[in-house]
């Protein structure tokens, strides 16, 4: 399996699980989220290792990696908006800010030549928080409205992440 195939596998399985959670918005199904997100992070590491070890790094691979991540995030995280008790606008805000954080990281790479992964809420941090939230909702569905607080805090942390990534790029460029 090539690095690009692993990247596509991660994206397609994310879209599949996200679609499943949207079509069947049952809290117990969200127990799958922490396990899947761990699997997805492993696939992200594997595709990078394959690309480096087997000289499969390419422009297409870089595009697939970035686009695959934002499609995967949207598919998985938008599913929370389908649960009764969660404010869809907060979920959408978090997805849009997640995209913006990745965009800020890529812009930093354009300006400095180095991809910026500064936090406090980068991709793996989001996966941990939203995986834990999925587990929480599956185990205690009566407290699903707590997710609104989590999404509100996540939105603030994502805005902070955008600022950190842009500030870091500016500092590196002006150094």
N, C-alpha and C. Protein backbone atom coordinates (compact mmCIF):
# COMPACT_ATOMS: atom_id res chain seq x y z
N UNK A 1 0.85 -1.18 0.00
CA UNK A 1 0.00 0.00 0.00
C UNK A 1 0.89 1.24 0.00
N UNK A 2 0.58 2.20 -0.85
CA UNK A 2 1.39 3.42 -0.93
C UNK A 2 0.93 4.43 0.12
N UNK A 3 1.76 5.44 0.33
CA UNK A 3 1.42 6.50 1.28
C UNK A 3 0.12 7.19 0.88
N UNK A 4 -0.05 7.47 -0.40
CA UNK A 4 -1.27 8.14 -0.86
C UNK A 4 -2.50 7.27 -0.66
N UNK A 5 -2.35 5.97 -0.82
CA UNK A 5 -3.47 5.06 -0.58
C UNK A 5 -3.86 5.05 0.89
N UNK A 6 -2.88 5.11 1.77
CA UNK A 6 -3.17 5.17 3.21
C UNK A 6 -3.90 6.47 3.54
N UNK A 7 -3.47 7.57 2.95
CA UNK A 7 -4.13 8.86 3.16
C UNK A 7 -5.58 8.81 2.69
N UNK A 8 -5.79 8.24 1.52
CA UNK A 8 -7.16 8.12 0.99
C UNK A 8 -8.01 7.18 1.85
N UNK A 9 -7.40 6.11 2.35
CA UNK A 9 -8.12 5.19 3.23
C UNK A 9 -8.59 5.91 4.50
N UNK A 10 -7.71 6.72 5.08
CA UNK A 10 -8.08 7.48 6.28
C UNK A 10 -9.23 8.42 5.99
N UNK A 11 -9.18 9.10 4.85
CA UNK A 11 -10.24 10.05 4.50
C UNK A 11 -11.56 9.32 4.24
N UNK A 12 -11.52 8.27 3.45
CA UNK A 12 -12.75 7.56 3.09
C UNK A 12 -13.40 6.90 4.30
N UNK A 13 -12.60 6.32 5.19
CA UNK A 13 -13.18 5.72 6.39
C UNK A 13 -13.74 6.79 7.32
N UNK A 14 -13.12 7.97 7.34
CA UNK A 14 -13.66 9.09 8.14
C UNK A 14 -15.01 9.53 7.60
N UNK A 15 -15.10 9.65 6.28
CA UNK A 15 -16.37 10.05 5.66
C UNK A 15 -17.44 8.99 5.92
N UNK A 16 -17.04 7.73 5.85
CA UNK A 16 -17.99 6.64 6.12
C UNK A 16 -18.51 6.70 7.55
N UNK A 17 -17.60 6.80 8.53
CA UNK A 17 -18.03 6.84 9.93
C UNK A 17 -18.84 8.10 10.21
N UNK A 18 -18.38 9.24 9.70
CA UNK A 18 -19.13 10.48 9.89
C UNK A 18 -20.53 10.38 9.31
N UNK A 19 -20.65 9.81 8.12
CA UNK A 19 -21.96 9.62 7.50
C UNK A 19 -22.84 8.69 8.32
N UNK A 20 -22.25 7.64 8.84
CA UNK A 20 -22.99 6.70 9.69
C UNK A 20 -23.53 7.40 10.94
N UNK A 21 -22.68 8.20 11.58
CA UNK A 21 -23.10 8.93 12.78
C UNK A 21 -24.16 9.98 12.46
N UNK A 22 -24.09 10.57 11.27
CA UNK A 22 -25.11 11.55 10.88
C UNK A 22 -26.44 10.88 10.56
N UNK A 23 -26.37 9.75 9.89
CA UNK A 23 -27.59 9.04 9.48
C UNK A 23 -28.28 8.38 10.67
N UNK A 24 -27.47 7.89 11.63
CA UNK A 24 -27.99 7.27 12.85
C UNK A 24 -27.48 8.06 14.06
N UNK A 25 -28.08 9.22 14.33
CA UNK A 25 -27.58 10.07 15.42
C UNK A 25 -27.97 9.54 16.81
N UNK A 26 -27.42 8.39 17.13
CA UNK A 26 -27.68 7.73 18.41
C UNK A 26 -26.44 7.87 19.29
N UNK A 27 -26.59 8.40 20.49
CA UNK A 27 -25.42 8.64 21.34
C UNK A 27 -24.49 7.44 21.52
N UNK A 28 -25.03 6.23 21.66
CA UNK A 28 -24.17 5.07 21.92
C UNK A 28 -23.19 4.82 20.77
N UNK A 29 -23.56 5.19 19.55
CA UNK A 29 -22.65 4.98 18.41
C UNK A 29 -21.40 5.84 18.50
N UNK A 30 -21.47 6.92 19.28
CA UNK A 30 -20.32 7.82 19.41
C UNK A 30 -19.19 7.19 20.21
N UNK A 31 -19.44 6.02 20.79
CA UNK A 31 -18.38 5.29 21.48
C UNK A 31 -17.30 4.86 20.48
N UNK A 32 -17.67 4.78 19.21
CA UNK A 32 -16.70 4.40 18.17
C UNK A 32 -15.69 5.51 17.89
N UNK A 33 -16.05 6.74 18.21
CA UNK A 33 -15.22 7.89 17.83
C UNK A 33 -13.81 7.87 18.43
N UNK A 34 -13.64 7.66 19.74
CA UNK A 34 -12.26 7.67 20.25
C UNK A 34 -11.39 6.58 19.64
N UNK A 35 -11.98 5.42 19.40
CA UNK A 35 -11.21 4.32 18.82
C UNK A 35 -10.85 4.62 17.37
N UNK A 36 -11.83 5.15 16.63
CA UNK A 36 -11.56 5.49 15.23
C UNK A 36 -10.53 6.62 15.13
N UNK A 37 -10.65 7.64 15.97
CA UNK A 37 -9.72 8.77 15.90
C UNK A 37 -8.29 8.32 16.22
N UNK A 38 -8.15 7.37 17.13
CA UNK A 38 -6.82 6.81 17.40
C UNK A 38 -6.30 6.10 16.15
N UNK A 39 -7.16 5.32 15.51
CA UNK A 39 -6.81 4.64 14.26
C UNK A 39 -6.42 5.64 13.18
N UNK A 40 -7.19 6.72 13.07
CA UNK A 40 -6.90 7.75 12.06
C UNK A 40 -5.55 8.42 12.31
N UNK A 41 -5.24 8.73 13.56
CA UNK A 41 -3.95 9.34 13.88
C UNK A 41 -2.81 8.37 13.53
N UNK A 42 -3.05 7.08 13.76
CA UNK A 42 -2.04 6.08 13.38
C UNK A 42 -1.85 6.05 11.87
N UNK A 43 -2.94 6.11 11.12
CA UNK A 43 -2.84 6.14 9.66
C UNK A 43 -2.09 7.39 9.19
N UNK A 44 -2.34 8.52 9.85
CA UNK A 44 -1.62 9.75 9.49
C UNK A 44 -0.11 9.59 9.70
N UNK A 45 0.27 8.92 10.78
CA UNK A 45 1.70 8.68 11.02
C UNK A 45 2.26 7.70 10.00
N UNK A 46 1.49 6.67 9.70
CA UNK A 46 1.95 5.64 8.76
C UNK A 46 2.14 6.21 7.36
N UNK A 47 1.21 7.06 6.90
CA UNK A 47 1.37 7.60 5.55
C UNK A 47 2.63 8.46 5.45
N UNK A 48 2.93 9.21 6.50
CA UNK A 48 4.16 10.01 6.50
C UNK A 48 5.41 9.15 6.50
N UNK A 49 5.39 8.08 7.31
CA UNK A 49 6.55 7.18 7.37
C UNK A 49 6.75 6.48 6.03
N UNK A 50 5.67 6.01 5.43
CA UNK A 50 5.78 5.36 4.11
C UNK A 50 6.36 6.32 3.08
N UNK A 51 5.87 7.54 3.09
CA UNK A 51 6.34 8.53 2.12
C UNK A 51 7.84 8.77 2.28
N UNK A 52 8.30 8.91 3.52
CA UNK A 52 9.73 9.18 3.75
C UNK A 52 10.59 7.95 3.50
N UNK A 53 10.19 6.81 4.06
CA UNK A 53 11.01 5.60 3.98
C UNK A 53 11.12 5.04 2.57
N UNK A 54 10.05 5.14 1.80
CA UNK A 54 10.03 4.54 0.48
C UNK A 54 10.04 5.57 -0.64
N UNK A 55 10.51 6.78 -0.30
CA UNK A 55 10.68 7.85 -1.29
C UNK A 55 9.39 8.09 -2.09
N UNK A 56 8.27 8.17 -1.37
CA UNK A 56 6.98 8.39 -2.02
C UNK A 56 6.47 9.81 -1.79
N UNK A 57 7.33 10.69 -1.31
CA UNK A 57 6.90 12.07 -1.09
C UNK A 57 6.62 12.72 -2.43
N UNK A 58 5.50 13.43 -2.50
CA UNK A 58 5.12 14.06 -3.77
C UNK A 58 4.22 15.26 -3.49
N UNK A 59 4.07 16.08 -4.50
CA UNK A 59 3.15 17.22 -4.40
C UNK A 59 1.73 16.71 -4.22
N UNK A 60 1.36 15.67 -4.97
CA UNK A 60 0.03 15.08 -4.82
C UNK A 60 -0.17 14.58 -3.39
N UNK A 61 0.84 13.95 -2.83
CA UNK A 61 0.75 13.45 -1.46
C UNK A 61 0.54 14.56 -0.46
N UNK A 62 1.24 15.68 -0.65
CA UNK A 62 1.07 16.83 0.25
C UNK A 62 -0.35 17.39 0.15
N UNK A 63 -0.86 17.47 -1.06
CA UNK A 63 -2.24 17.96 -1.26
C UNK A 63 -3.24 17.00 -0.62
N UNK A 64 -3.08 15.70 -0.91
CA UNK A 64 -3.99 14.71 -0.33
C UNK A 64 -3.96 14.74 1.19
N UNK A 65 -2.78 14.93 1.76
CA UNK A 65 -2.64 14.96 3.21
C UNK A 65 -3.43 16.12 3.81
N UNK A 66 -3.25 17.32 3.28
CA UNK A 66 -3.94 18.50 3.82
C UNK A 66 -5.44 18.45 3.55
N UNK A 67 -5.82 18.15 2.31
CA UNK A 67 -7.24 18.12 1.96
C UNK A 67 -7.93 16.95 2.66
N UNK A 68 -7.26 15.82 2.72
CA UNK A 68 -7.82 14.66 3.41
C UNK A 68 -8.10 14.94 4.87
N UNK A 69 -7.20 15.68 5.52
CA UNK A 69 -7.40 16.02 6.93
C UNK A 69 -8.62 16.91 7.14
N UNK A 70 -8.79 17.92 6.30
CA UNK A 70 -9.94 18.82 6.54
C UNK A 70 -11.26 18.15 6.17
N UNK A 71 -11.25 17.29 5.16
CA UNK A 71 -12.47 16.55 4.82
C UNK A 71 -12.80 15.57 5.95
N UNK A 72 -11.79 14.88 6.45
CA UNK A 72 -12.00 13.93 7.54
C UNK A 72 -12.53 14.63 8.79
N UNK A 73 -11.91 15.75 9.15
CA UNK A 73 -12.38 16.51 10.32
C UNK A 73 -13.84 16.91 10.15
N UNK A 74 -14.18 17.44 9.00
CA UNK A 74 -15.55 17.89 8.76
C UNK A 74 -16.53 16.72 8.86
N UNK A 75 -16.21 15.61 8.22
CA UNK A 75 -17.11 14.46 8.23
C UNK A 75 -17.34 13.93 9.64
N UNK A 76 -16.28 13.84 10.41
CA UNK A 76 -16.40 13.28 11.75
C UNK A 76 -17.01 14.26 12.75
N UNK A 77 -16.58 15.50 12.70
CA UNK A 77 -17.00 16.45 13.73
C UNK A 77 -18.38 17.03 13.46
N UNK A 78 -18.77 17.17 12.18
CA UNK A 78 -20.12 17.67 11.88
C UNK A 78 -21.20 16.71 12.37
N UNK A 79 -20.84 15.44 12.55
CA UNK A 79 -21.81 14.47 13.04
C UNK A 79 -22.38 14.87 14.40
N UNK A 80 -21.59 15.58 15.21
CA UNK A 80 -22.09 16.02 16.52
C UNK A 80 -23.30 16.95 16.37
N UNK A 81 -23.38 17.68 15.27
CA UNK A 81 -24.48 18.62 15.05
C UNK A 81 -25.81 17.91 14.88
N UNK A 82 -25.78 16.62 14.61
CA UNK A 82 -27.01 15.86 14.40
C UNK A 82 -27.58 15.29 15.69
N UNK A 83 -26.87 15.45 16.78
CA UNK A 83 -27.36 14.97 18.07
C UNK A 83 -28.28 16.00 18.71
N UNK A 84 -29.41 15.56 19.20
CA UNK A 84 -30.34 16.44 19.89
C UNK A 84 -29.68 16.97 21.16
N UNK A 85 -29.75 18.29 21.33
CA UNK A 85 -29.17 18.91 22.52
C UNK A 85 -27.87 19.64 22.26
N UNK A 86 -27.30 19.43 21.07
CA UNK A 86 -26.06 20.12 20.71
C UNK A 86 -26.39 21.21 19.70
N UNK A 87 -25.87 22.41 19.94
CA UNK A 87 -26.11 23.54 19.05
C UNK A 87 -25.32 23.36 17.75
N UNK A 88 -26.00 23.14 16.63
CA UNK A 88 -25.29 22.93 15.37
C UNK A 88 -24.34 24.08 15.02
N UNK A 89 -24.70 25.32 15.34
CA UNK A 89 -23.85 26.45 14.98
C UNK A 89 -22.50 26.37 15.69
N UNK A 90 -22.47 25.83 16.91
CA UNK A 90 -21.19 25.69 17.62
C UNK A 90 -20.31 24.63 16.94
N UNK A 91 -20.94 23.55 16.52
CA UNK A 91 -20.19 22.49 15.83
C UNK A 91 -19.63 23.03 14.52
N UNK A 92 -20.46 23.73 13.76
CA UNK A 92 -20.01 24.31 12.49
C UNK A 92 -18.89 25.31 12.72
N UNK A 93 -19.01 26.12 13.76
CA UNK A 93 -17.95 27.08 14.09
C UNK A 93 -16.63 26.36 14.37
N UNK A 94 -16.69 25.28 15.13
CA UNK A 94 -15.47 24.53 15.44
C UNK A 94 -14.87 23.92 14.18
N UNK A 95 -15.71 23.39 13.30
CA UNK A 95 -15.20 22.82 12.04
C UNK A 95 -14.54 23.91 11.20
N UNK A 96 -15.19 25.06 11.07
CA UNK A 96 -14.61 26.16 10.28
C UNK A 96 -13.30 26.66 10.89
N UNK A 97 -13.27 26.79 12.21
CA UNK A 97 -12.03 27.22 12.86
C UNK A 97 -10.93 26.16 12.76
N UNK A 98 -11.32 24.89 12.74
CA UNK A 98 -10.34 23.81 12.53
C UNK A 98 -9.70 23.95 11.16
N UNK A 99 -10.54 24.24 10.17
CA UNK A 99 -10.01 24.46 8.81
C UNK A 99 -9.08 25.66 8.81
N UNK A 100 -9.48 26.71 9.50
CA UNK A 100 -8.66 27.92 9.54
C UNK A 100 -7.31 27.66 10.20
N UNK A 101 -7.29 26.85 11.26
CA UNK A 101 -6.00 26.54 11.90
C UNK A 101 -5.08 25.81 10.94
N UNK A 102 -5.65 24.88 10.17
CA UNK A 102 -4.83 24.15 9.20
C UNK A 102 -4.35 25.10 8.10
N UNK A 103 -5.21 26.00 7.68
CA UNK A 103 -4.84 26.99 6.67
C UNK A 103 -3.69 27.86 7.19
N UNK A 104 -3.78 28.29 8.44
CA UNK A 104 -2.71 29.12 9.02
C UNK A 104 -1.40 28.35 9.07
N UNK A 105 -1.47 27.05 9.36
CA UNK A 105 -0.26 26.22 9.35
C UNK A 105 0.35 26.11 7.97
N UNK A 106 -0.49 25.97 6.95
CA UNK A 106 -0.01 25.86 5.57
C UNK A 106 0.54 27.20 5.09
N UNK A 107 -0.13 28.30 5.46
CA UNK A 107 0.37 29.63 5.09
C UNK A 107 1.76 29.84 5.69
N UNK A 108 1.94 29.40 6.93
CA UNK A 108 3.25 29.51 7.57
C UNK A 108 4.29 28.76 6.75
N UNK A 109 3.91 27.59 6.24
CA UNK A 109 4.84 26.81 5.42
C UNK A 109 5.18 27.55 4.13
N UNK A 110 4.21 28.20 3.55
CA UNK A 110 4.44 28.98 2.33
C UNK A 110 5.42 30.12 2.60
N UNK A 111 5.27 30.77 3.75
CA UNK A 111 6.11 31.92 4.08
C UNK A 111 7.49 31.54 4.60
N UNK A 112 7.56 30.47 5.38
CA UNK A 112 8.83 30.15 6.07
C UNK A 112 9.47 28.85 5.60
N UNK A 113 8.72 28.03 4.87
CA UNK A 113 9.24 26.74 4.45
C UNK A 113 9.05 25.65 5.50
N UNK A 114 8.45 25.99 6.63
CA UNK A 114 8.24 25.03 7.72
C UNK A 114 6.76 25.01 8.08
N UNK A 115 6.15 23.82 8.07
CA UNK A 115 4.74 23.66 8.43
C UNK A 115 4.60 23.95 9.92
N UNK A 116 3.65 24.80 10.26
CA UNK A 116 3.47 25.21 11.65
C UNK A 116 2.38 24.38 12.31
N UNK A 117 2.72 23.75 13.44
CA UNK A 117 1.78 22.90 14.16
C UNK A 117 1.48 23.43 15.57
N UNK A 118 1.77 24.69 15.83
CA UNK A 118 1.55 25.24 17.18
C UNK A 118 0.10 25.09 17.61
N UNK A 119 -0.06 24.99 18.92
CA UNK A 119 -1.39 24.82 19.52
C UNK A 119 -1.91 26.11 20.07
N UNK A 120 -2.84 25.99 20.96
CA UNK A 120 -3.09 24.89 21.88
C UNK A 120 -4.03 23.79 21.38
N UNK A 121 -4.66 23.94 20.22
CA UNK A 121 -5.61 22.91 19.78
C UNK A 121 -5.33 22.51 18.33
N UNK A 122 -4.24 21.78 18.16
CA UNK A 122 -3.89 21.25 16.84
C UNK A 122 -4.70 20.00 16.52
N UNK A 123 -4.35 19.35 15.42
CA UNK A 123 -5.13 18.22 14.93
C UNK A 123 -5.24 17.08 15.94
N UNK A 124 -4.12 16.66 16.52
CA UNK A 124 -4.18 15.55 17.47
C UNK A 124 -4.88 15.95 18.76
N UNK A 125 -4.74 17.21 19.16
CA UNK A 125 -5.46 17.69 20.35
C UNK A 125 -6.97 17.66 20.11
N UNK A 126 -7.38 18.10 18.93
CA UNK A 126 -8.81 18.05 18.58
C UNK A 126 -9.32 16.62 18.58
N UNK A 127 -8.53 15.72 18.02
CA UNK A 127 -8.93 14.32 17.98
C UNK A 127 -9.12 13.78 19.40
N UNK A 128 -8.21 14.14 20.30
CA UNK A 128 -8.33 13.68 21.68
C UNK A 128 -9.59 14.24 22.34
N UNK A 129 -9.77 15.56 22.23
CA UNK A 129 -10.91 16.22 22.88
C UNK A 129 -12.23 15.69 22.33
N UNK A 130 -12.35 15.61 21.02
CA UNK A 130 -13.63 15.20 20.44
C UNK A 130 -13.84 13.69 20.54
N UNK A 131 -12.77 12.93 20.59
CA UNK A 131 -12.91 11.50 20.88
C UNK A 131 -13.40 11.28 22.31
N UNK A 132 -12.81 12.03 23.25
CA UNK A 132 -13.26 11.95 24.65
C UNK A 132 -14.72 12.40 24.77
N UNK A 133 -15.08 13.43 24.02
CA UNK A 133 -16.46 13.91 24.04
C UNK A 133 -17.41 12.83 23.49
N UNK A 134 -17.01 12.17 22.42
CA UNK A 134 -17.82 11.08 21.88
C UNK A 134 -18.03 9.97 22.90
N UNK A 135 -16.97 9.62 23.62
CA UNK A 135 -17.06 8.60 24.67
C UNK A 135 -18.00 9.07 25.78
N UNK A 136 -17.84 10.32 26.20
CA UNK A 136 -18.69 10.90 27.25
C UNK A 136 -20.17 10.84 26.85
N UNK A 137 -20.46 11.24 25.61
CA UNK A 137 -21.84 11.24 25.13
C UNK A 137 -22.40 9.82 25.06
N UNK A 138 -21.57 8.87 24.63
CA UNK A 138 -22.02 7.48 24.54
C UNK A 138 -22.35 6.91 25.92
N UNK A 139 -21.53 7.26 26.91
CA UNK A 139 -21.72 6.70 28.26
C UNK A 139 -22.77 7.45 29.07
N UNK A 140 -22.87 8.75 28.88
CA UNK A 140 -23.81 9.58 29.65
C UNK A 140 -24.63 10.47 28.71
N UNK A 141 -25.49 9.88 27.89
CA UNK A 141 -26.24 10.68 26.91
C UNK A 141 -27.15 11.73 27.54
N UNK A 142 -27.53 11.54 28.78
CA UNK A 142 -28.40 12.52 29.44
C UNK A 142 -27.69 13.86 29.65
N UNK A 143 -26.36 13.86 29.54
CA UNK A 143 -25.58 15.10 29.72
C UNK A 143 -25.04 15.63 28.39
N UNK A 144 -25.70 15.30 27.29
CA UNK A 144 -25.22 15.68 25.96
C UNK A 144 -25.03 17.20 25.83
N UNK A 145 -25.82 17.98 26.56
CA UNK A 145 -25.71 19.44 26.44
C UNK A 145 -24.36 19.97 26.93
N UNK A 146 -23.61 19.17 27.69
CA UNK A 146 -22.25 19.56 28.10
C UNK A 146 -21.38 19.78 26.86
N UNK A 147 -21.73 19.11 25.78
CA UNK A 147 -20.96 19.25 24.54
C UNK A 147 -20.94 20.69 24.06
N UNK A 148 -22.00 21.45 24.33
CA UNK A 148 -22.02 22.86 23.92
C UNK A 148 -20.91 23.65 24.61
N UNK A 149 -20.65 23.34 25.86
CA UNK A 149 -19.56 24.00 26.59
C UNK A 149 -18.22 23.59 25.97
N UNK A 150 -18.08 22.29 25.69
CA UNK A 150 -16.84 21.79 25.08
C UNK A 150 -16.60 22.46 23.73
N UNK A 151 -17.63 22.55 22.91
CA UNK A 151 -17.47 23.18 21.59
C UNK A 151 -17.18 24.68 21.72
N UNK A 152 -17.78 25.33 22.70
CA UNK A 152 -17.50 26.76 22.93
C UNK A 152 -16.05 26.98 23.33
N UNK A 153 -15.55 26.16 24.25
CA UNK A 153 -14.14 26.27 24.68
C UNK A 153 -13.22 25.91 23.51
N UNK A 154 -13.59 24.87 22.75
CA UNK A 154 -12.77 24.48 21.60
C UNK A 154 -12.67 25.61 20.59
N UNK A 155 -13.77 26.33 20.37
CA UNK A 155 -13.75 27.46 19.42
C UNK A 155 -12.77 28.52 19.88
N UNK A 156 -12.77 28.83 21.17
CA UNK A 156 -11.82 29.82 21.70
C UNK A 156 -10.38 29.34 21.54
N UNK A 157 -10.14 28.07 21.85
CA UNK A 157 -8.78 27.52 21.72
C UNK A 157 -8.33 27.46 20.27
N UNK A 158 -9.25 27.20 19.36
CA UNK A 158 -8.91 27.19 17.93
C UNK A 158 -8.55 28.59 17.44
N UNK A 159 -9.29 29.60 17.91
CA UNK A 159 -8.94 30.98 17.54
C UNK A 159 -7.55 31.31 18.06
N UNK A 160 -7.25 30.89 19.27
CA UNK A 160 -5.93 31.11 19.87
C UNK A 160 -4.86 30.38 19.05
N UNK A 161 -5.17 29.18 18.60
CA UNK A 161 -4.23 28.42 17.77
C UNK A 161 -3.93 29.17 16.48
N UNK A 162 -4.96 29.72 15.85
CA UNK A 162 -4.76 30.50 14.62
C UNK A 162 -3.82 31.67 14.88
N UNK A 163 -4.05 32.39 15.97
CA UNK A 163 -3.20 33.53 16.32
C UNK A 163 -1.77 33.07 16.55
N UNK A 164 -1.59 31.98 17.29
CA UNK A 164 -0.24 31.47 17.56
C UNK A 164 0.48 31.08 16.28
N UNK A 165 -0.21 30.42 15.37
CA UNK A 165 0.42 29.98 14.13
C UNK A 165 0.80 31.17 13.25
N UNK A 166 -0.07 32.16 13.18
CA UNK A 166 0.24 33.35 12.37
C UNK A 166 1.36 34.16 13.01
N UNK A 167 1.31 34.32 14.32
CA UNK A 167 2.36 35.06 15.03
C UNK A 167 3.72 34.37 14.84
N UNK A 168 3.72 33.06 14.95
CA UNK A 168 4.96 32.30 14.78
C UNK A 168 5.52 32.46 13.37
N UNK A 169 4.65 32.44 12.37
CA UNK A 169 5.10 32.62 10.98
C UNK A 169 5.67 34.01 10.78
N UNK A 170 5.02 35.02 11.36
CA UNK A 170 5.53 36.39 11.25
C UNK A 170 6.88 36.55 11.93
N UNK A 171 7.02 35.95 13.11
CA UNK A 171 8.30 36.03 13.83
C UNK A 171 9.40 35.34 13.05
N UNK A 172 9.10 34.17 12.48
CA UNK A 172 10.11 33.44 11.71
C UNK A 172 10.48 34.20 10.45
N UNK A 173 9.50 34.82 9.82
CA UNK A 173 9.76 35.57 8.59
C UNK A 173 10.56 36.83 8.86
N UNK A 174 10.32 37.46 10.00
CA UNK A 174 11.02 38.71 10.34
C UNK A 174 12.34 38.48 11.05
N UNK A 175 12.66 37.23 11.36
CA UNK A 175 13.91 36.94 12.08
C UNK A 175 15.11 37.00 11.16
